[in-house]
Amino acid sequence: MLRRKPTRLELKLDDIEEFESIRKDLESRKKQREEAEAAAVGEEAAAAAAAAAAAAAIALGTDHKSREQLINDRIGYKPQPKAGGRTTHFGNFEF
């Protein structure tokens, strides 16, 4: 494999200024979005809290089998029951 000389990267003042301006722009957009979300959340906080409490009560109230069944249904797993006993593995052979 041929080895080449390392590439030299130079950081210029224009690059730094461009980076700072883009970063400030993104931060201002983020603050505006967070303020808008905070206002929307304030109005719907009571409804969301009630819904979360109801969902938590349902989740805690379910038994293990139904929870397991829900997960299996969600991922598409359909377990086959295991056949028990020696005759299923070896047929009707008698030793």
N, C-alpha and C. Protein backbone atom coordinates (compact mmCIF):
# COMPACT_ATOMS: atom_id res chain seq x y z
N MET A 1 0.84 -1.18 0.00
CA MET A 1 0.00 0.00 0.00
C MET A 1 0.89 1.24 0.00
N LEU A 2 0.54 2.20 -0.81
CA LEU A 2 1.33 3.42 -0.90
C LEU A 2 0.96 4.35 0.24
N ARG A 3 1.97 4.97 0.80
CA ARG A 3 1.73 5.91 1.88
C ARG A 3 1.88 7.32 1.33
N ARG A 4 0.94 8.16 1.66
CA ARG A 4 1.01 9.54 1.19
C ARG A 4 1.27 10.46 2.38
N LYS A 5 1.70 11.63 2.07
CA LYS A 5 1.98 12.60 3.12
C LYS A 5 0.68 13.06 3.75
N PRO A 6 0.71 13.36 5.04
CA PRO A 6 -0.52 13.82 5.71
C PRO A 6 -1.03 15.14 5.12
N THR A 7 -2.34 15.27 5.08
CA THR A 7 -2.95 16.49 4.56
C THR A 7 -2.94 17.54 5.66
N ARG A 8 -2.57 18.73 5.31
CA ARG A 8 -2.50 19.80 6.29
C ARG A 8 -3.81 20.58 6.25
N LEU A 9 -4.45 20.70 7.41
CA LEU A 9 -5.68 21.45 7.52
C LEU A 9 -5.40 22.76 8.23
N GLU A 10 -5.93 23.81 7.68
CA GLU A 10 -5.74 25.13 8.28
C GLU A 10 -7.08 25.72 8.66
N LEU A 11 -7.17 26.26 9.85
CA LEU A 11 -8.37 26.91 10.33
C LEU A 11 -8.19 28.41 10.17
N LYS A 12 -9.06 29.00 9.38
CA LYS A 12 -8.94 30.43 9.10
C LYS A 12 -9.93 31.20 9.96
N LEU A 13 -9.70 32.48 10.10
CA LEU A 13 -10.55 33.34 10.90
C LEU A 13 -11.97 33.39 10.33
N ASP A 14 -12.09 33.38 9.02
CA ASP A 14 -13.42 33.37 8.38
C ASP A 14 -14.21 32.12 8.76
N ASP A 15 -13.52 30.99 8.83
CA ASP A 15 -14.19 29.75 9.21
C ASP A 15 -14.71 29.82 10.64
N ILE A 16 -13.94 30.36 11.53
CA ILE A 16 -14.34 30.50 12.93
C ILE A 16 -15.56 31.42 13.04
N GLU A 17 -15.53 32.54 12.32
CA GLU A 17 -16.66 33.48 12.36
C GLU A 17 -17.93 32.84 11.79
N GLU A 18 -17.79 32.10 10.72
CA GLU A 18 -18.94 31.42 10.13
C GLU A 18 -19.52 30.40 11.11
N PHE A 19 -18.65 29.65 11.76
CA PHE A 19 -19.09 28.66 12.73
C PHE A 19 -19.84 29.33 13.88
N GLU A 20 -19.30 30.42 14.40
CA GLU A 20 -19.95 31.12 15.52
C GLU A 20 -21.32 31.67 15.11
N SER A 21 -21.43 32.21 13.91
CA SER A 21 -22.72 32.76 13.48
C SER A 21 -23.76 31.65 13.31
N ILE A 22 -23.37 30.52 12.76
CA ILE A 22 -24.30 29.39 12.59
C ILE A 22 -24.71 28.84 13.96
N ARG A 23 -23.75 28.75 14.87
CA ARG A 23 -24.06 28.23 16.20
C ARG A 23 -25.04 29.14 16.93
N LYS A 24 -24.84 30.46 16.84
CA LYS A 24 -25.75 31.39 17.49
C LYS A 24 -27.15 31.31 16.88
N ASP A 25 -27.20 31.16 15.57
CA ASP A 25 -28.49 31.04 14.89
C ASP A 25 -29.23 29.78 15.36
N LEU A 26 -28.53 28.68 15.44
CA LEU A 26 -29.14 27.43 15.90
C LEU A 26 -29.60 27.53 17.36
N GLU A 27 -28.80 28.18 18.20
CA GLU A 27 -29.18 28.34 19.60
C GLU A 27 -30.43 29.20 19.74
N SER A 28 -30.54 30.25 18.94
CA SER A 28 -31.72 31.11 19.02
C SER A 28 -32.97 30.35 18.55
N ARG A 29 -32.84 29.55 17.49
CA ARG A 29 -33.97 28.73 17.04
C ARG A 29 -34.39 27.74 18.11
N LYS A 30 -33.40 27.15 18.77
CA LYS A 30 -33.69 26.17 19.82
C LYS A 30 -34.43 26.82 20.98
N LYS A 31 -34.01 28.02 21.37
CA LYS A 31 -34.68 28.73 22.46
C LYS A 31 -36.12 29.07 22.10
N GLN A 32 -36.35 29.51 20.86
CA GLN A 32 -37.71 29.82 20.42
C GLN A 32 -38.59 28.58 20.42
N ARG A 33 -38.04 27.46 19.96
CA ARG A 33 -38.80 26.22 19.94
C ARG A 33 -39.12 25.75 21.36
N GLU A 34 -38.15 25.87 22.27
CA GLU A 34 -38.38 25.46 23.66
C GLU A 34 -39.43 26.34 24.32
N GLU A 35 -39.41 27.64 24.03
CA GLU A 35 -40.41 28.54 24.61
C GLU A 35 -41.80 28.21 24.08
N ALA A 36 -41.90 27.89 22.79
CA ALA A 36 -43.19 27.53 22.21
C ALA A 36 -43.70 26.22 22.81
N GLU A 37 -42.80 25.26 23.00
CA GLU A 37 -43.19 23.98 23.59
C GLU A 37 -43.60 24.17 25.05
N ALA A 38 -42.90 25.02 25.78
CA ALA A 38 -43.23 25.26 27.18
C ALA A 38 -44.62 25.88 27.31
N ALA A 39 -44.96 26.77 26.40
CA ALA A 39 -46.29 27.39 26.44
C ALA A 39 -47.36 26.34 26.13
N ALA A 40 -47.10 25.48 25.16
CA ALA A 40 -48.07 24.44 24.81
C ALA A 40 -48.20 23.41 25.91
N VAL A 41 -47.08 23.09 26.56
CA VAL A 41 -47.09 22.10 27.63
C VAL A 41 -47.83 22.65 28.84
N GLY A 42 -47.69 23.93 29.11
CA GLY A 42 -48.38 24.53 30.25
C GLY A 42 -49.88 24.42 30.14
N GLU A 43 -50.40 24.54 28.94
CA GLU A 43 -51.85 24.46 28.73
C GLU A 43 -52.35 23.02 28.83
N GLU A 44 -51.54 22.08 28.38
CA GLU A 44 -51.97 20.69 28.35
C GLU A 44 -51.40 19.86 29.49
N ALA A 45 -50.78 20.48 30.47
CA ALA A 45 -50.11 19.74 31.54
C ALA A 45 -51.09 18.92 32.36
N ALA A 46 -52.23 19.48 32.66
CA ALA A 46 -53.21 18.76 33.49
C ALA A 46 -53.74 17.54 32.75
N ALA A 47 -54.05 17.69 31.49
CA ALA A 47 -54.57 16.56 30.72
C ALA A 47 -53.51 15.48 30.55
N ALA A 48 -52.28 15.88 30.30
CA ALA A 48 -51.20 14.92 30.13
C ALA A 48 -50.90 14.19 31.42
N ALA A 49 -50.94 14.89 32.54
CA ALA A 49 -50.68 14.26 33.83
C ALA A 49 -51.75 13.23 34.15
N ALA A 50 -52.99 13.54 33.86
CA ALA A 50 -54.08 12.60 34.11
C ALA A 50 -53.94 11.37 33.21
N ALA A 51 -53.58 11.58 31.96
CA ALA A 51 -53.41 10.46 31.04
C ALA A 51 -52.23 9.59 31.45
N ALA A 52 -51.15 10.20 31.90
CA ALA A 52 -49.98 9.44 32.34
C ALA A 52 -50.30 8.62 33.58
N ALA A 53 -51.05 9.20 34.50
CA ALA A 53 -51.42 8.48 35.71
C ALA A 53 -52.31 7.28 35.37
N ALA A 54 -53.22 7.46 34.44
CA ALA A 54 -54.09 6.37 34.04
C ALA A 54 -53.30 5.27 33.34
N ALA A 55 -52.36 5.65 32.50
CA ALA A 55 -51.53 4.66 31.80
C ALA A 55 -50.66 3.89 32.79
N ALA A 56 -50.13 4.58 33.79
CA ALA A 56 -49.30 3.92 34.79
C ALA A 56 -50.13 2.94 35.61
N ALA A 57 -51.35 3.32 35.93
CA ALA A 57 -52.23 2.43 36.70
C ALA A 57 -52.57 1.19 35.88
N ILE A 58 -52.79 1.35 34.60
CA ILE A 58 -53.10 0.21 33.74
C ILE A 58 -51.88 -0.70 33.62
N ALA A 59 -50.70 -0.09 33.46
CA ALA A 59 -49.47 -0.88 33.32
C ALA A 59 -49.16 -1.66 34.59
N LEU A 60 -49.39 -1.07 35.73
CA LEU A 60 -49.13 -1.77 36.99
C LEU A 60 -50.19 -2.82 37.28
N GLY A 61 -51.39 -2.62 36.79
CA GLY A 61 -52.47 -3.54 37.07
C GLY A 61 -52.48 -4.78 36.20
N THR A 62 -51.75 -4.78 35.10
CA THR A 62 -51.78 -5.93 34.20
C THR A 62 -50.93 -7.06 34.77
N ASP A 63 -51.34 -8.28 34.49
CA ASP A 63 -50.57 -9.42 34.97
C ASP A 63 -49.45 -9.72 34.00
N HIS A 64 -48.54 -10.60 34.42
CA HIS A 64 -47.33 -10.89 33.66
C HIS A 64 -47.63 -11.53 32.31
N LYS A 65 -48.57 -12.45 32.28
CA LYS A 65 -48.86 -13.15 31.02
C LYS A 65 -49.40 -12.21 29.96
N SER A 66 -50.30 -11.31 30.34
CA SER A 66 -50.86 -10.42 29.33
C SER A 66 -49.79 -9.45 28.83
N ARG A 67 -48.90 -9.01 29.72
CA ARG A 67 -47.81 -8.13 29.32
C ARG A 67 -46.89 -8.86 28.36
N GLU A 68 -46.57 -10.10 28.69
CA GLU A 68 -45.73 -10.91 27.82
C GLU A 68 -46.41 -11.14 26.47
N GLN A 69 -47.70 -11.37 26.51
CA GLN A 69 -48.44 -11.58 25.26
C GLN A 69 -48.46 -10.31 24.42
N LEU A 70 -48.61 -9.16 25.05
CA LEU A 70 -48.57 -7.89 24.31
C LEU A 70 -47.23 -7.70 23.63
N ILE A 71 -46.17 -8.00 24.34
CA ILE A 71 -44.82 -7.85 23.76
C ILE A 71 -44.64 -8.81 22.61
N ASN A 72 -45.06 -10.06 22.79
CA ASN A 72 -44.94 -11.04 21.71
C ASN A 72 -45.72 -10.62 20.49
N ASP A 73 -46.92 -10.09 20.69
CA ASP A 73 -47.71 -9.61 19.56
C ASP A 73 -47.05 -8.44 18.86
N ARG A 74 -46.45 -7.55 19.65
CA ARG A 74 -45.82 -6.36 19.08
C ARG A 74 -44.63 -6.72 18.22
N ILE A 75 -43.82 -7.69 18.66
CA ILE A 75 -42.63 -8.05 17.89
C ILE A 75 -42.88 -9.15 16.88
N GLY A 76 -44.10 -9.72 16.90
CA GLY A 76 -44.44 -10.74 15.91
C GLY A 76 -43.97 -12.13 16.29
N TYR A 77 -43.72 -12.39 17.55
CA TYR A 77 -43.26 -13.70 18.00
C TYR A 77 -44.46 -14.54 18.38
N LYS A 78 -44.55 -15.71 17.80
CA LYS A 78 -45.65 -16.63 18.11
C LYS A 78 -45.03 -17.91 18.65
N PRO A 79 -44.94 -18.02 19.96
CA PRO A 79 -44.28 -19.21 20.53
C PRO A 79 -45.11 -20.47 20.29
N GLN A 80 -44.43 -21.53 19.94
CA GLN A 80 -45.07 -22.83 19.75
C GLN A 80 -44.97 -23.59 21.06
N PRO A 81 -46.05 -24.23 21.49
CA PRO A 81 -45.97 -24.99 22.74
C PRO A 81 -45.00 -26.16 22.59
N LYS A 82 -44.24 -26.41 23.65
CA LYS A 82 -43.28 -27.50 23.62
C LYS A 82 -44.02 -28.82 23.85
N ALA A 83 -43.66 -29.79 23.05
CA ALA A 83 -44.25 -31.11 23.23
C ALA A 83 -43.43 -31.83 24.30
N GLY A 84 -44.09 -32.34 25.29
CA GLY A 84 -43.37 -32.99 26.38
C GLY A 84 -43.40 -34.49 26.25
N GLY A 85 -42.50 -35.12 26.95
CA GLY A 85 -42.50 -36.58 26.99
C GLY A 85 -41.49 -37.20 26.05
N ARG A 86 -41.16 -38.44 26.36
CA ARG A 86 -40.16 -39.18 25.59
C ARG A 86 -40.72 -39.66 24.26
N THR A 87 -41.99 -39.93 24.20
CA THR A 87 -42.57 -40.50 22.97
C THR A 87 -42.56 -39.50 21.82
N THR A 88 -42.61 -38.23 22.11
CA THR A 88 -42.59 -37.26 21.02
C THR A 88 -41.23 -37.18 20.36
N HIS A 89 -40.17 -37.46 21.13
CA HIS A 89 -38.83 -37.39 20.55
C HIS A 89 -38.45 -38.68 19.85
N PHE A 90 -38.83 -39.82 20.42
CA PHE A 90 -38.36 -41.09 19.90
C PHE A 90 -39.47 -41.93 19.26
N GLY A 91 -40.67 -41.42 19.20
CA GLY A 91 -41.76 -42.20 18.66
C GLY A 91 -42.24 -43.20 19.69
N ASN A 92 -42.73 -44.34 19.24
CA ASN A 92 -43.26 -45.38 20.13
C ASN A 92 -42.26 -46.50 20.34
N PHE A 93 -40.97 -46.21 20.27
CA PHE A 93 -39.97 -47.24 20.50
C PHE A 93 -39.99 -47.66 21.96
N GLU A 94 -39.80 -48.93 22.17
CA GLU A 94 -39.71 -49.42 23.54
C GLU A 94 -38.34 -50.01 23.72
N PHE A 95 -37.72 -49.68 24.80
CA PHE A 95 -36.35 -50.14 25.05
C PHE A 95 -36.33 -51.29 26.00
